Protein backbone atom coordinates (compact mmCIF):
# COMPACT_ATOMS: atom_id res chain seq x y z
CA UNK A 1 -61.32 -27.84 -59.93
CA UNK A 2 -58.07 -27.47 -61.73
CA UNK A 3 -57.23 -29.98 -64.50
CA UNK A 4 -53.62 -31.20 -65.77
CA UNK A 5 -54.11 -29.23 -68.97
CA UNK A 6 -54.74 -25.67 -69.81
CA UNK A 7 -57.63 -25.61 -72.22
CA UNK A 8 -58.31 -22.59 -74.42
CA UNK A 9 -61.51 -21.32 -72.80
CA UNK A 10 -59.91 -21.17 -69.30
CA UNK A 11 -56.86 -19.60 -70.96
CA UNK A 12 -59.01 -16.93 -72.53
CA UNK A 13 -60.65 -16.05 -69.16
CA UNK A 14 -57.18 -15.81 -67.49
CA UNK A 15 -56.03 -13.37 -69.97
CA UNK A 16 -59.31 -11.50 -70.05
CA UNK A 17 -59.04 -11.07 -66.35
CA UNK A 18 -55.57 -9.74 -66.65
CA UNK A 19 -56.66 -7.20 -69.42
CA UNK A 20 -59.32 -5.83 -67.18
CA UNK A 21 -56.69 -4.22 -64.91
CA UNK A 22 -56.10 -0.53 -64.81
CA UNK A 23 -53.46 1.25 -66.66
CA UNK A 24 -52.35 4.84 -67.08
CA UNK A 25 -54.65 6.59 -69.52
CA UNK A 26 -56.02 3.03 -70.34
CA UNK A 27 -53.01 2.19 -72.52
CA UNK A 28 -52.99 -1.51 -71.59
CA UNK A 29 -49.27 -1.73 -71.98
CA UNK A 30 -48.95 -5.45 -71.86
CA UNK A 31 -48.62 -8.40 -73.98
CA UNK A 32 -49.31 -12.15 -73.15
CA UNK A 33 -48.04 -15.28 -74.23
CA UNK A 34 -49.37 -18.73 -73.13
CA UNK A 35 -47.17 -21.90 -72.93
CA UNK A 36 -49.72 -24.65 -72.54
CA UNK A 37 -47.04 -27.43 -71.92
CA UNK A 38 -45.71 -25.65 -68.89
CA UNK A 39 -49.04 -23.97 -68.02
CA UNK A 40 -47.09 -20.62 -67.83
CA UNK A 41 -48.41 -17.28 -68.81
CA UNK A 42 -45.70 -14.72 -69.90
CA UNK A 43 -46.48 -11.01 -69.51
CA UNK A 44 -44.43 -8.50 -71.55
CA UNK A 45 -44.35 -4.78 -71.60
CA UNK A 46 -45.93 -3.34 -74.94
CA UNK A 47 -43.23 -0.82 -75.84
CA UNK A 48 -45.62 0.60 -78.50
CA UNK A 49 -48.17 1.74 -75.83
CA UNK A 50 -45.68 3.40 -73.49
CA UNK A 51 -46.30 7.02 -72.69
CA UNK A 52 -42.76 8.46 -73.43
CA UNK A 53 -43.39 11.97 -72.19
CA UNK A 54 -45.67 11.11 -69.21
CA UNK A 55 -43.98 7.81 -68.07
CA UNK A 56 -40.39 8.16 -69.42
CA UNK A 57 -38.69 5.49 -67.15
CA UNK A 58 -41.67 3.24 -67.47
CA UNK A 59 -42.68 3.04 -63.84
CA UNK A 60 -46.29 3.27 -64.58
CA UNK A 61 -46.07 0.50 -67.06
CA UNK A 62 -44.65 -1.68 -64.46
CA UNK A 63 -47.65 -0.73 -62.11
CA UNK A 64 -50.05 -1.64 -64.71
CA UNK A 65 -48.52 -4.99 -65.34
CA UNK A 66 -48.43 -5.63 -61.67
CA UNK A 67 -52.16 -4.88 -61.42
CA UNK A 68 -52.66 -7.34 -64.51
CA UNK A 69 -50.64 -10.02 -62.68
CA UNK A 70 -52.81 -9.77 -59.54
CA UNK A 71 -55.91 -10.08 -61.78
CA UNK A 72 -54.23 -13.08 -63.36
CA UNK A 73 -53.56 -14.76 -59.83
CA UNK A 74 -57.11 -14.02 -58.76
CA UNK A 75 -58.48 -15.80 -61.92
CA UNK A 76 -56.15 -18.71 -61.65
CA UNK A 77 -57.29 -19.32 -57.96
CA UNK A 78 -60.97 -19.06 -59.07
CA UNK A 79 -60.28 -21.89 -61.61
CA UNK A 80 -58.61 -24.13 -58.98
CA UNK A 81 -54.87 -23.28 -59.83
CA UNK A 82 -52.03 -22.25 -57.51
CA UNK A 83 -50.34 -19.27 -59.43
CA UNK A 84 -46.58 -19.27 -58.90
CA UNK A 85 -45.39 -15.76 -59.91
CA UNK A 86 -41.80 -14.69 -60.90
CA UNK A 87 -41.09 -11.12 -61.39
CA UNK A 88 -38.34 -10.09 -63.97
CA UNK A 89 -37.60 -13.79 -64.64
CA UNK A 90 -35.04 -13.14 -67.35
CA UNK A 91 -32.37 -10.37 -66.79
CA UNK A 92 -31.32 -10.51 -70.53
CA UNK A 93 -34.97 -9.79 -71.62
CA UNK A 94 -36.10 -6.69 -69.70
CA UNK A 95 -39.43 -6.52 -71.56
CA UNK A 96 -40.45 -9.76 -69.94
CA UNK A 97 -41.89 -8.43 -66.63
CA UNK A 98 -43.49 -11.62 -65.16
CA UNK A 99 -44.52 -15.00 -65.58
CA UNK A 100 -47.28 -16.92 -63.82
CA UNK A 101 -47.06 -20.71 -63.70
CA UNK A 102 -50.38 -22.57 -62.95
CA UNK A 103 -49.48 -25.29 -60.49
CA UNK A 104 -51.88 -27.87 -59.01
CA UNK A 105 -53.64 -26.27 -55.98
CA UNK A 106 -52.60 -27.78 -52.84
CA UNK A 107 -54.27 -25.23 -50.34
CA UNK A 108 -57.55 -23.59 -51.12
CA UNK A 109 -57.64 -20.51 -53.33
CA UNK A 110 -57.61 -17.29 -51.27
CA UNK A 111 -58.30 -15.15 -54.37
CA UNK A 112 -61.65 -16.68 -55.23
CA UNK A 113 -63.67 -14.17 -53.49
CA UNK A 114 -62.35 -11.40 -55.63
CA UNK A 115 -62.88 -12.85 -58.94
CA UNK A 116 -66.32 -11.61 -59.85
CA UNK A 117 -65.07 -8.07 -58.64
CA UNK A 118 -62.37 -8.13 -61.41
CA UNK A 119 -65.14 -7.44 -63.96
CA UNK A 120 -66.72 -4.69 -61.94
CA UNK A 121 -63.75 -2.62 -60.89
CA UNK A 122 -63.01 0.59 -62.76
CA UNK A 123 -62.13 4.26 -61.95
CA UNK A 124 -64.85 6.68 -60.97
CA UNK A 125 -63.70 10.40 -61.66
CA UNK A 126 -67.02 11.81 -60.30
CA UNK A 127 -67.70 13.53 -57.10
CA UNK A 128 -68.04 11.29 -53.94
CA UNK A 129 -70.65 11.76 -51.16
CA UNK A 130 -68.09 12.50 -48.45
CA UNK A 131 -69.53 9.72 -46.29
CA UNK A 132 -66.62 8.31 -44.25
CA UNK A 133 -65.59 4.66 -44.84
CA UNK A 134 -65.75 2.18 -41.91
CA UNK A 135 -62.59 2.08 -39.72
CA UNK A 136 -62.73 -1.65 -40.17
CA UNK A 137 -62.65 -1.46 -44.03
CA UNK A 138 -59.73 0.87 -43.92
CA UNK A 139 -57.74 -1.76 -41.82
CA UNK A 140 -58.65 -4.31 -44.36
CA UNK A 141 -57.39 -2.20 -47.24
CA UNK A 142 -54.05 -1.63 -45.27
CA UNK A 143 -53.79 -5.31 -44.71
CA UNK A 144 -54.44 -6.10 -48.41
CA UNK A 145 -51.57 -3.77 -49.48
CA UNK A 146 -49.36 -5.35 -46.76
CA UNK A 147 -50.08 -8.78 -48.15
CA UNK A 148 -48.38 -7.76 -51.51
CA UNK A 149 -45.46 -6.18 -49.77
CA UNK A 150 -46.63 -2.52 -49.91
CA UNK A 151 -47.80 0.13 -47.51
CA UNK A 152 -51.03 1.87 -47.63
CA UNK A 153 -51.32 5.06 -45.40
CA UNK A 154 -54.17 7.36 -44.86
CA UNK A 155 -52.71 10.95 -44.36
CA UNK A 156 -54.39 13.37 -41.89
CA UNK A 157 -55.91 16.67 -42.73
CA UNK A 158 -52.77 18.51 -42.82
CA UNK A 159 -50.76 15.80 -44.81
CA UNK A 160 -53.86 15.45 -47.33
CA UNK A 161 -53.56 19.17 -48.08
CA UNK A 162 -49.86 18.66 -48.95
CA UNK A 163 -50.83 15.69 -51.29
CA UNK A 164 -53.43 17.86 -52.99
CA UNK A 165 -51.09 20.73 -53.21
CA UNK A 166 -48.56 18.46 -54.91
CA UNK A 167 -51.09 16.95 -57.27
CA UNK A 168 -52.41 20.39 -58.08
CA UNK A 169 -48.91 21.54 -58.97
CA UNK A 170 -48.30 18.42 -61.11
CA UNK A 171 -51.73 18.88 -62.97
CA UNK A 172 -50.70 22.52 -63.91
CA UNK A 173 -47.25 21.29 -65.04
CA UNK A 174 -48.94 18.77 -67.27
CA UNK A 175 -51.17 21.24 -68.81
CA UNK A 176 -48.23 23.59 -69.54
CA UNK A 177 -46.15 20.83 -71.11
CA UNK A 178 -47.19 20.60 -74.74
CA UNK A 179 -45.94 17.10 -75.34
CA UNK A 180 -47.61 15.49 -72.19
CA UNK A 181 -50.89 17.40 -72.84
CA UNK A 182 -50.91 16.12 -76.48
CA UNK A 183 -50.00 12.62 -75.47
CA UNK A 184 -52.99 12.70 -72.95
CA UNK A 185 -55.24 14.35 -75.50
CA UNK A 186 -54.57 11.65 -78.12
CA UNK A 187 -55.80 8.95 -75.79
CA UNK A 188 -59.19 10.72 -75.33
CA UNK A 189 -59.92 11.88 -78.94
CA UNK A 190 -57.87 9.37 -81.01
CA UNK A 191 -56.94 8.49 -83.55
CA UNK A 192 -56.37 5.09 -81.65
CA UNK A 193 -58.00 1.70 -81.45
CA UNK A 194 -61.58 1.82 -80.13
CA UNK A 195 -60.41 -0.55 -77.42
CA UNK A 196 -57.69 1.73 -75.98
CA UNK A 197 -57.80 5.04 -74.35
CA UNK A 198 -60.55 6.94 -72.56
CA UNK A 199 -64.03 7.66 -73.84
CA UNK A 200 -65.02 11.33 -73.04
CA UNK A 201 -67.77 10.28 -70.82
CA UNK A 202 -65.32 8.56 -68.49
CA UNK A 203 -63.25 11.72 -67.91
CA UNK A 204 -65.71 13.00 -65.37
CA UNK A 205 -66.13 16.84 -64.22
CA UNK A 206 -63.64 19.24 -62.81
CA UNK A 207 -63.96 20.64 -59.26
CA UNK A 208 -66.05 23.62 -59.17
CA UNK A 209 -64.10 24.95 -56.22
CA UNK A 210 -60.74 24.12 -57.94
CA UNK A 211 -59.66 22.13 -54.76
CA UNK A 212 -59.43 18.68 -55.89
CA UNK A 213 -57.20 18.48 -58.90
CA UNK A 214 -58.83 15.96 -61.16
CA UNK A 215 -56.79 15.26 -64.48
CA UNK A 216 -58.23 17.01 -67.49
CA UNK A 217 -56.46 15.04 -70.05
CA UNK A 218 -55.35 17.90 -72.27
CA UNK A 219 -58.97 19.25 -72.50
CA UNK A 220 -57.94 22.46 -70.72
CA UNK A 221 -61.16 22.81 -68.75
CA UNK A 222 -63.31 23.47 -71.78
CA UNK A 223 -66.92 23.62 -70.14
CA UNK A 224 -68.45 21.52 -72.86
CA UNK A 225 -65.85 18.80 -72.34
CA UNK A 226 -65.26 18.91 -68.58
CA UNK A 227 -68.05 20.73 -66.86
CA UNK A 228 -67.50 21.68 -63.18
CA UNK A 229 -69.39 20.17 -60.23
CA UNK A 230 -69.03 20.30 -56.50
CA UNK A 231 -66.78 17.53 -55.11
CA UNK A 232 -66.39 16.26 -51.57
CA UNK A 233 -64.98 18.94 -49.25
CA UNK A 234 -62.78 16.45 -47.44
CA UNK A 235 -61.55 13.79 -49.88
CA UNK A 236 -60.17 10.44 -48.45
CA UNK A 237 -56.85 9.92 -49.81
CA UNK A 238 -54.59 7.02 -49.53
CA UNK A 239 -50.68 6.76 -50.29
CA UNK A 240 -49.43 3.47 -51.63
CA UNK A 241 -45.70 2.91 -51.04
CA UNK A 242 -42.77 0.59 -50.97
CA UNK A 243 -39.64 0.34 -49.08
CA UNK A 244 -37.54 0.48 -52.20
CA UNK A 245 -37.83 1.87 -55.69
CA UNK A 246 -36.74 -0.89 -57.99
CA UNK A 247 -38.56 -2.39 -61.05
CA UNK A 248 -39.66 -5.39 -58.80
CA UNK A 249 -40.98 -2.88 -56.32
CA UNK A 250 -43.03 -1.23 -59.08
CA UNK A 251 -44.41 -4.55 -60.19
CA UNK A 252 -45.31 -5.43 -56.45
CA UNK A 253 -46.91 -2.11 -56.00
CA UNK A 254 -49.13 -2.82 -58.94
CA UNK A 255 -50.11 -6.04 -57.34
CA UNK A 256 -51.00 -4.17 -54.20
CA UNK A 257 -52.78 -1.52 -55.90
CA UNK A 258 -55.01 -3.86 -57.61
CA UNK A 259 -55.76 -6.03 -54.49
CA UNK A 260 -56.81 -2.86 -52.69
CA UNK A 261 -58.99 -1.65 -55.63
CA UNK A 262 -60.77 -5.06 -55.76
CA UNK A 263 -61.41 -5.20 -52.06
CA UNK A 264 -62.79 -1.60 -52.24
CA UNK A 265 -65.02 -2.34 -55.06
CA UNK A 266 -66.25 -5.51 -53.33
CA UNK A 267 -67.53 -3.23 -50.53
CA UNK A 268 -69.03 -0.69 -52.85
CA UNK A 269 -66.43 1.82 -52.53
CA UNK A 270 -65.28 3.68 -55.69
CA UNK A 271 -61.90 4.79 -56.42
CA UNK A 272 -59.86 7.06 -58.83
CA UNK A 273 -56.06 7.29 -59.09
CA UNK A 274 -54.41 10.69 -58.62
CA UNK A 275 -51.31 9.87 -60.63
CA UNK A 276 -50.14 13.35 -61.55
CA UNK A 277 -47.59 13.97 -58.80
CA UNK A 278 -46.04 10.59 -59.52
CA UNK A 279 -45.01 11.81 -63.03
CA UNK A 280 -42.65 14.67 -61.68
CA UNK A 281 -39.68 13.27 -59.67
CA UNK A 282 -39.50 16.28 -57.34
CA UNK A 283 -43.11 16.19 -56.39
CA UNK A 284 -43.08 12.33 -55.92
CA UNK A 285 -40.16 12.66 -53.55
CA UNK A 286 -42.10 15.33 -51.60
CA UNK A 287 -44.80 12.79 -50.82
CA UNK A 288 -42.17 10.02 -49.69
CA UNK A 289 -41.76 11.86 -46.44
CA UNK A 290 -45.46 11.70 -45.45
CA UNK A 291 -46.19 11.36 -42.66
CA UNK A 292 -43.24 13.28 -41.38
CA UNK A 293 -42.89 11.23 -38.38
CA UNK A 294 -42.89 7.88 -40.18
CA UNK A 295 -40.30 6.01 -42.08
CA UNK A 296 -39.36 7.36 -45.45
CA UNK A 297 -40.85 5.23 -48.18
CA UNK A 298 -41.25 5.41 -51.95
CA UNK A 299 -44.68 6.69 -52.99
CA UNK A 300 -46.09 4.68 -55.94
CA UNK A 301 -49.72 5.84 -56.19
CA UNK A 302 -52.19 8.35 -54.83
CA UNK A 303 -55.66 6.82 -54.38
CA UNK A 304 -58.99 8.85 -53.91
CA UNK A 305 -61.73 6.66 -52.11
CA UNK A 306 -65.34 7.07 -51.31
CA UNK A 307 -68.91 6.29 -51.99
CA UNK A 308 -70.44 7.66 -55.29
CA UNK A 309 -71.45 6.92 -58.75
CA UNK A 310 -69.85 4.13 -60.52
CA UNK A 311 -69.25 6.08 -63.83
CA UNK A 312 -68.83 4.59 -67.23
CA UNK A 313 -66.14 1.98 -67.85
CA UNK A 314 -63.16 2.39 -70.18
CA UNK A 315 -62.95 -0.19 -73.03
CA UNK A 316 -60.74 -3.16 -73.02
CA UNK A 317 -58.90 -5.06 -75.96
CA UNK A 318 -60.25 -8.32 -76.86
CA UNK A 319 -58.26 -11.23 -75.62
CA UNK A 320 -57.02 -12.13 -79.04
CA UNK A 321 -55.48 -8.83 -79.51
CA UNK A 322 -53.43 -9.03 -76.13
CA UNK A 323 -52.06 -12.45 -77.06
CA UNK A 324 -49.06 -13.21 -79.09
CA UNK A 325 -48.19 -16.50 -80.55
CA UNK A 326 -44.40 -16.50 -79.84
CA UNK A 327 -41.78 -14.41 -78.17
């Protein structure tokens, strides 16, 4: 049951849930400010954690913040609040990406069932079994994305090959780009905060057949760092897209992405994000037309879904480090 005031323990749980969201290379590019009087959480982009080579326009930052917003909404519903979200509320303050006001709940909390999943969700970059997902679950995932104003599509075999080809090309470009490679490598081997970046154990192996292009994070396939293993021969991929490609669309796509990931986790499905092609405008545009017989949309993320090992989680910053006292 909600109360008229936002006390410190609940506020900390709200922010902790938001911080549990995924972000590119686990940069956690957000800062939060709580306004207890208006019961509003302000979410800012953290410029000092942006990847200026890998994500020069900040699209991935917006997706990450969108994921954090969805987690915050889920947590608010769990504690009995009605989250009222505004995206880009102040045009003259571009770093303020969203606000979430905690209103008195007047109609149940549909997010409650996902709250426990917030703490269990994380990417798995390990081989999946190849066992197909039930068609009913695929429909649920599609509906989850639609609920947040995005589209989730599962390409057929031919289009899946095109997605893999674009991702493979992007991965080779990233490895050949010294700046991007170094940017990734810094977030695996430091120096950085122990609560940011990726532990080497979370990187996962490479595909022994070199068919599924898993990111090597600048390790350049050193066997002692990224050993090769057999991956699923027919990976299940999904394309998350929006009708437009504005900053608000990026934020909405992030909320849709996290809703899909939480629902998948609740059903015991693992996920990894194949973001590489999203980092090269021409390769991203090439995926916008898939399937070729459908309306052209803007691809925001490629997901890989399946049953398999959970894999180790990446660290998260303590709540006190993610909060700021004033704007």
